[in-house]
Amino acid sequence: MSMGGDLTRVTALSSSEAIKKKDVASTISNYENLFDEKKGGTIEARKENYSSMVVDFYNMVTQFYEFGWGESFHFAPRHKWESFNASIARHEMLLAHKLELKPGKTALDMGCGIGGPGRTMARFSNSKIVGLNVNDYQLSRAKTLTQQQ
């Protein structure tokens, strides 16, 4: 898939909110150690560190997800004649329709990522979407992107 010279997704990799380079190596090392038995990596250790492990994982991959997928971290059925972005938007608008979202209605997006689907559904249906996520970095991106609209 060619982006045809569209560099809008590159901004995700240069975001001022991005993880600091100095934190990347230690975060990866800590994550790898949870799986290395020689360094104390056990199932019990992973269970004890589950929350931080999940947060660290999404802190690391969010920029790549945004670069590759845009603001919506999901796939959708795609017609032969349809672009990737069009299929995503169509799917989100269909979901808003199926949920019967309309002015005055509010929906909760649990695990909202950076909020792309919620913003599309809110624009399409003129409803309110509330995003909920365990990852502060993704919520920060969601707020920034929503304010930029």
Protein backbone atom coordinates (compact mmCIF):
# COMPACT_ATOMS: atom_id res chain seq x y z
CA MET A 1 0.00 0.00 0.00
CA SER A 2 1.46 3.31 -1.02
CA MET A 3 0.74 6.39 1.02
CA GLY A 4 1.15 8.44 -2.15
CA GLY A 5 3.40 11.06 -0.61
CA ASP A 6 1.09 11.63 2.37
CA LEU A 7 3.41 12.16 5.32
CA THR A 8 0.75 12.84 7.97
CA ARG A 9 1.48 9.56 9.77
CA VAL A 10 5.14 10.44 10.15
CA THR A 11 4.13 12.98 12.82
CA ALA A 12 3.40 10.05 15.14
CA LEU A 13 7.08 9.14 15.14
CA SER A 14 8.18 12.71 15.82
CA SER A 15 5.58 13.51 18.47
CA SER A 16 6.79 15.66 21.35
CA GLU A 17 4.84 13.27 23.62
CA ALA A 18 6.91 10.32 22.41
CA ILE A 19 8.79 8.03 24.75
CA LYS A 20 12.24 9.38 25.50
CA LYS A 21 15.07 7.57 23.72
CA LYS A 22 16.93 7.09 26.99
CA ASP A 23 13.99 5.06 28.37
CA VAL A 24 13.65 2.67 25.43
CA ALA A 25 16.61 0.37 26.16
CA SER A 26 15.81 -0.06 29.87
CA THR A 27 12.12 -0.66 29.16
CA ILE A 28 12.94 -3.36 26.61
CA SER A 29 15.52 -4.90 28.95
CA ASN A 30 13.05 -5.02 31.86
CA TYR A 31 10.43 -6.61 29.60
CA GLU A 32 12.88 -9.21 28.24
CA ASN A 33 14.10 -10.06 31.75
CA LEU A 34 10.56 -11.12 32.69
CA PHE A 35 10.92 -13.93 30.14
CA ASP A 36 14.55 -14.87 30.88
CA GLU A 37 14.69 -17.56 33.56
CA LYS A 38 18.39 -16.82 34.18
CA LYS A 39 17.40 -13.29 35.22
CA GLY A 40 14.46 -14.28 37.41
CA GLY A 41 11.86 -14.35 34.68
CA THR A 42 9.02 -16.61 35.75
CA ILE A 43 5.30 -16.81 35.22
CA GLU A 44 4.87 -15.50 38.77
CA ALA A 45 7.13 -12.51 38.02
CA ARG A 46 5.12 -11.73 34.89
CA LYS A 47 1.86 -11.96 36.85
CA GLU A 48 3.23 -9.63 39.53
CA ASN A 49 4.39 -7.15 36.89
CA TYR A 50 1.43 -7.56 34.55
CA SER A 51 0.13 -3.98 34.80
CA SER A 52 3.49 -2.32 34.24
CA MET A 53 4.30 -4.84 31.49
CA VAL A 54 1.11 -3.91 29.59
CA VAL A 55 1.65 -0.17 30.06
CA ASP A 56 5.29 -0.43 28.94
CA PHE A 57 4.28 -2.48 25.89
CA TYR A 58 1.74 0.09 24.70
CA ASN A 59 4.10 2.96 25.49
CA MET A 60 6.57 1.31 23.13
CA VAL A 61 4.27 0.31 20.25
CA THR A 62 1.74 3.16 20.08
CA GLN A 63 3.86 5.31 17.78
CA PHE A 64 4.38 2.40 15.39
CA TYR A 65 0.66 1.56 15.43
CA GLU A 66 -0.18 5.17 14.64
CA PHE A 67 2.42 5.29 11.88
CA GLY A 68 1.15 2.06 10.30
CA TRP A 69 -2.59 2.25 10.90
CA GLY A 70 -3.31 5.92 11.46
CA GLU A 71 -5.59 6.89 14.33
CA SER A 72 -7.65 3.68 14.34
CA PHE A 73 -5.91 0.59 15.65
CA HIS A 74 -8.14 -1.97 13.96
CA PHE A 75 -8.83 -3.51 10.59
CA ALA A 76 -12.06 -3.66 8.62
CA PRO A 77 -13.42 -5.55 5.64
CA ARG A 78 -12.17 -3.80 2.52
CA HIS A 79 -13.79 -3.64 -0.89
CA LYS A 80 -11.53 -4.06 -3.91
CA TRP A 81 -12.13 -0.44 -4.96
CA GLU A 82 -11.73 1.01 -1.47
CA SER A 83 -8.67 2.52 0.20
CA PHE A 84 -7.51 1.30 3.60
CA ASN A 85 -8.55 4.58 5.28
CA ALA A 86 -11.96 4.54 3.59
CA SER A 87 -12.64 0.98 4.79
CA ILE A 88 -11.77 1.95 8.36
CA ALA A 89 -14.01 5.05 8.29
CA ARG A 90 -16.88 3.10 6.69
CA HIS A 91 -16.61 0.40 9.35
CA GLU A 92 -16.63 2.96 12.19
CA MET A 93 -19.64 4.77 10.72
CA LEU A 94 -21.45 1.44 10.35
CA LEU A 95 -20.75 0.71 14.02
CA ALA A 96 -22.15 4.11 15.04
CA HIS A 97 -25.26 3.36 12.97
CA LYS A 98 -25.67 -0.13 14.51
CA LEU A 99 -25.32 1.38 18.00
CA GLU A 100 -28.01 3.90 17.05
CA LEU A 101 -25.78 6.78 18.11
CA LYS A 102 -27.37 10.19 17.58
CA PRO A 103 -27.35 13.66 19.11
CA GLY A 104 -27.86 13.45 22.88
CA LYS A 105 -26.52 9.90 23.15
CA THR A 106 -23.22 9.00 24.83
CA ALA A 107 -21.18 5.86 24.26
CA LEU A 108 -18.18 4.51 26.17
CA ASP A 109 -15.18 3.31 24.16
CA MET A 110 -13.35 0.96 26.52
CA GLY A 111 -9.74 0.54 25.40
CA CYS A 112 -10.00 3.59 23.16
CA GLY A 113 -6.36 3.63 22.06
CA ILE A 114 -5.67 7.12 20.71
CA GLY A 115 -9.37 7.73 20.09
CA GLY A 116 -9.61 7.51 16.31
CA PRO A 117 -12.77 5.38 16.06
CA GLY A 118 -14.51 7.46 18.73
CA ARG A 119 -13.76 10.71 16.92
CA THR A 120 -15.07 9.30 13.64
CA MET A 121 -18.25 7.95 15.25
CA ALA A 122 -18.83 11.22 17.13
CA ARG A 123 -18.46 13.26 13.91
CA PHE A 124 -20.69 10.88 11.95
CA SER A 125 -23.48 10.62 14.53
CA ASN A 126 -23.15 13.98 16.32
CA SER A 127 -23.09 12.00 19.58
CA LYS A 128 -20.62 12.01 22.46
CA ILE A 129 -17.98 9.30 22.82
CA VAL A 130 -16.09 8.92 26.10
CA GLY A 131 -12.75 7.13 25.83
CA LEU A 132 -11.39 4.90 28.58
CA ASN A 133 -7.91 3.41 28.55
CA VAL A 134 -5.34 2.09 31.04
CA ASN A 135 -2.48 3.68 29.10
CA ASP A 136 -1.78 7.32 29.96
CA TYR A 137 0.37 7.85 26.86
CA GLN A 138 -2.45 6.76 24.55
CA LEU A 139 -4.93 8.96 26.43
CA SER A 140 -2.54 11.89 26.06
CA ARG A 141 -2.35 11.26 22.29
CA ALA A 142 -6.16 10.97 22.15
CA LYS A 143 -6.58 14.33 23.88
CA THR A 144 -3.99 16.00 21.66
CA LEU A 145 -5.51 14.64 18.44
CA THR A 146 -9.04 15.53 19.56
CA GLN A 147 -8.01 19.11 20.36
CA GLN A 148 -6.40 19.41 16.92
CA GLN A 149 -9.75 18.83 15.18
